[in-house]
Amino acid sequence: MRARLFWIGVGVVVTVVVIRRGQRLAARYTPASMAAAAGARAVDAADAAGVRLARGARGFAGDFRAARAHREAELMASLLSDGAGGTYDLDELRRRTAR
């Protein structure tokens, strides 16, 4: 009789352990848990993408400013040229028009 009670007790303990571990495993792979894990990964990826985007925007802004300044200098040089290979003095032109 004691042997039967012992084995019944062992069976109950094993059953409880298996059920609890199975519930944990099922909770890990249910859609809600997977969505939460995917959401966390998506947030991390979005943060990384935001950092890369900010760096790219800063680089673009710097390149744009440099190109704009270069083009402005080209346009100013073409505006100040006299057509014969010489250039006009911008300060002198401003003084003439100010009169």
C-alpha atoms as a PDB file:
ATOM      1  CA  MET A   1       0.000   0.000   0.000  1.00  0.00           C
ATOM      2  CA  ARG A   2       2.817   2.426   0.832  1.00  0.00           C
ATOM      3  CA  ALA A   3       4.526   1.693  -2.443  1.00  0.00           C
ATOM      4  CA  ARG A   4       1.355   2.640  -4.337  1.00  0.00           C
ATOM      5  CA  LEU A   5       1.026   5.909  -2.417  1.00  0.00           C
ATOM      6  CA  PHE A   6       4.687   6.665  -3.076  1.00  0.00           C
ATOM      7  CA  TRP A   7       4.301   6.169  -6.839  1.00  0.00           C
ATOM      8  CA  ILE A   8       1.079   8.128  -6.935  1.00  0.00           C
ATOM      9  CA  GLY A   9       2.885  11.003  -5.184  1.00  0.00           C
ATOM     10  CA  VAL A  10       5.792  10.775  -7.640  1.00  0.00           C
ATOM     11  CA  GLY A  11       3.290  10.840 -10.529  1.00  0.00           C
ATOM     12  CA  VAL A  12       1.551  13.905  -9.123  1.00  0.00           C
ATOM     13  CA  VAL A  13       4.845  15.790  -8.658  1.00  0.00           C
ATOM     14  CA  VAL A  14       6.060  14.884 -12.154  1.00  0.00           C
ATOM     15  CA  THR A  15       2.707  15.936 -13.618  1.00  0.00           C
ATOM     16  CA  VAL A  16       2.796  19.311 -11.856  1.00  0.00           C
ATOM     17  CA  VAL A  17       6.375  19.957 -12.988  1.00  0.00           C
ATOM     18  CA  VAL A  18       5.596  19.009 -16.598  1.00  0.00           C
ATOM     19  CA  ILE A  19       2.444  21.139 -16.663  1.00  0.00           C
ATOM     20  CA  ARG A  20       4.205  24.230 -15.271  1.00  0.00           C
ATOM     21  CA  ARG A  21       7.140  23.950 -17.655  1.00  0.00           C
ATOM     22  CA  GLY A  22       4.748  23.375 -20.528  1.00  0.00           C
ATOM     23  CA  GLN A  23       2.787  26.511 -19.591  1.00  0.00           C
ATOM     24  CA  ARG A  24       5.984  28.569 -19.519  1.00  0.00           C
ATOM     25  CA  LEU A  25       7.026  27.196 -22.884  1.00  0.00           C
ATOM     26  CA  ALA A  26       3.593  27.851 -24.369  1.00  0.00           C
ATOM     27  CA  ALA A  27       3.565  31.398 -22.968  1.00  0.00           C
ATOM     28  CA  ARG A  28       6.913  32.076 -24.613  1.00  0.00           C
ATOM     29  CA  TYR A  29       5.635  31.044 -28.046  1.00  0.00           C
ATOM     30  CA  THR A  30       2.105  32.437 -27.964  1.00  0.00           C
ATOM     31  CA  PRO A  31       1.302  35.305 -30.314  1.00  0.00           C
ATOM     32  CA  ALA A  32       1.121  37.877 -27.484  1.00  0.00           C
ATOM     33  CA  SER A  33       4.569  36.971 -26.223  1.00  0.00           C
ATOM     34  CA  MET A  34       5.994  36.820 -29.706  1.00  0.00           C
ATOM     35  CA  ALA A  35       4.424  40.192 -30.503  1.00  0.00           C
ATOM     36  CA  ALA A  36       5.936  41.727 -27.381  1.00  0.00           C
ATOM     37  CA  ALA A  37       9.368  40.342 -28.255  1.00  0.00           C
ATOM     38  CA  ALA A  38       9.021  41.481 -31.866  1.00  0.00           C
ATOM     39  CA  GLY A  39       7.853  44.883 -30.678  1.00  0.00           C
ATOM     40  CA  ALA A  40      10.923  45.251 -28.496  1.00  0.00           C
ATOM     41  CA  ARG A  41      13.162  44.303 -31.420  1.00  0.00           C
ATOM     42  CA  ALA A  42      11.286  46.723 -33.673  1.00  0.00           C
ATOM     43  CA  VAL A  43      11.791  49.565 -31.195  1.00  0.00           C
ATOM     44  CA  ASP A  44      15.507  48.811 -31.061  1.00  0.00           C
ATOM     45  CA  ALA A  45      15.693  48.704 -34.854  1.00  0.00           C
ATOM     46  CA  ALA A  46      13.754  51.961 -35.125  1.00  0.00           C
ATOM     47  CA  ASP A  47      16.113  53.640 -32.660  1.00  0.00           C
ATOM     48  CA  ALA A  48      19.112  52.474 -34.657  1.00  0.00           C
ATOM     49  CA  ALA A  49      17.490  53.629 -37.896  1.00  0.00           C
ATOM     50  CA  GLY A  50      16.765  57.020 -36.337  1.00  0.00           C
ATOM     51  CA  VAL A  51      20.397  57.418 -35.348  1.00  0.00           C
ATOM     52  CA  ARG A  52      21.530  56.497 -38.870  1.00  0.00           C
ATOM     53  CA  LEU A  53      18.973  58.883 -40.364  1.00  0.00           C
ATOM     54  CA  ALA A  54      20.141  61.744 -38.152  1.00  0.00           C
ATOM     55  CA  ARG A  55      23.769  61.124 -39.105  1.00  0.00           C
ATOM     56  CA  GLY A  56      22.841  61.009 -42.768  1.00  0.00           C
ATOM     57  CA  ALA A  57      20.832  64.219 -42.491  1.00  0.00           C
ATOM     58  CA  ARG A  58      23.738  66.003 -40.823  1.00  0.00           C
ATOM     59  CA  GLY A  59      26.098  64.774 -43.532  1.00  0.00           C
ATOM     60  CA  PHE A  60      23.675  65.833 -46.259  1.00  0.00           C
ATOM     61  CA  ALA A  61      23.245  69.275 -44.708  1.00  0.00           C
ATOM     62  CA  GLY A  62      27.003  69.782 -44.589  1.00  0.00           C
ATOM     63  CA  ASP A  63      27.448  68.632 -48.189  1.00  0.00           C
ATOM     64  CA  PHE A  64      24.563  70.845 -49.273  1.00  0.00           C
ATOM     65  CA  ARG A  65      26.029  73.923 -47.587  1.00  0.00           C
ATOM     66  CA  ALA A  66      29.419  73.313 -49.191  1.00  0.00           C
ATOM     67  CA  ALA A  67      27.891  72.811 -52.646  1.00  0.00           C
ATOM     68  CA  ARG A  68      25.702  75.893 -52.215  1.00  0.00           C
ATOM     69  CA  ALA A  69      28.691  78.044 -51.246  1.00  0.00           C
ATOM     70  CA  HIS A  70      30.684  76.729 -54.217  1.00  0.00           C
ATOM     71  CA  ARG A  71      27.817  77.394 -56.642  1.00  0.00           C
ATOM     72  CA  GLU A  72      27.273  80.846 -55.161  1.00  0.00           C
ATOM     73  CA  ALA A  73      30.939  81.646 -55.713  1.00  0.00           C
ATOM     74  CA  GLU A  74      30.678  80.423 -59.333  1.00  0.00           C
ATOM     75  CA  LEU A  75      27.585  82.543 -59.959  1.00  0.00           C
ATOM     76  CA  MET A  76      29.125  85.595 -58.316  1.00  0.00           C
ATOM     77  CA  ALA A  77      32.257  85.171 -60.445  1.00  0.00           C
ATOM     78  CA  SER A  78      30.178  84.909 -63.608  1.00  0.00           C
ATOM     79  CA  LEU A  79      28.133  87.974 -62.642  1.00  0.00           C
ATOM     80  CA  LEU A  80      31.239  90.020 -61.926  1.00  0.00           C
ATOM     81  CA  SER A  81      33.057  89.075 -65.116  1.00  0.00           C
ATOM     82  CA  ASP A  82      33.248  91.799 -67.727  1.00  0.00           C
ATOM     83  CA  GLY A  83      33.179  89.402 -70.674  1.00  0.00           C
ATOM     84  CA  ALA A  84      36.765  90.186 -71.682  1.00  0.00           C
ATOM     85  CA  GLY A  85      38.367  87.917 -69.140  1.00  0.00           C
ATOM     86  CA  GLY A  86      38.517  90.517 -66.381  1.00  0.00           C
ATOM     87  CA  THR A  87      36.323  90.946 -63.368  1.00  0.00           C
ATOM     88  CA  TYR A  88      34.524  93.823 -61.795  1.00  0.00           C
ATOM     89  CA  ASP A  89      35.199  94.892 -58.257  1.00  0.00           C
ATOM     90  CA  LEU A  90      32.037  94.196 -56.259  1.00  0.00           C
ATOM     91  CA  ASP A  91      32.745  96.964 -53.731  1.00  0.00           C
ATOM     92  CA  GLU A  92      33.221  99.483 -56.531  1.00  0.00           C
ATOM     93  CA  LEU A  93      29.942  98.416 -58.148  1.00  0.00           C
ATOM     94  CA  ARG A  94      28.138  98.843 -54.838  1.00  0.00           C
ATOM     95  CA  ARG A  95      29.594 102.334 -54.418  1.00  0.00           C
ATOM     96  CA  ARG A  96      28.468 103.341 -57.916  1.00  0.00           C
ATOM     97  CA  THR A  97      24.931 102.153 -57.396  1.00  0.00           C
ATOM     98  CA  ALA A  98      24.699 103.765 -53.945  1.00  0.00           C
ATOM     99  CA  ARG A  99      25.121 107.290 -55.404  1.00  0.00           C
END
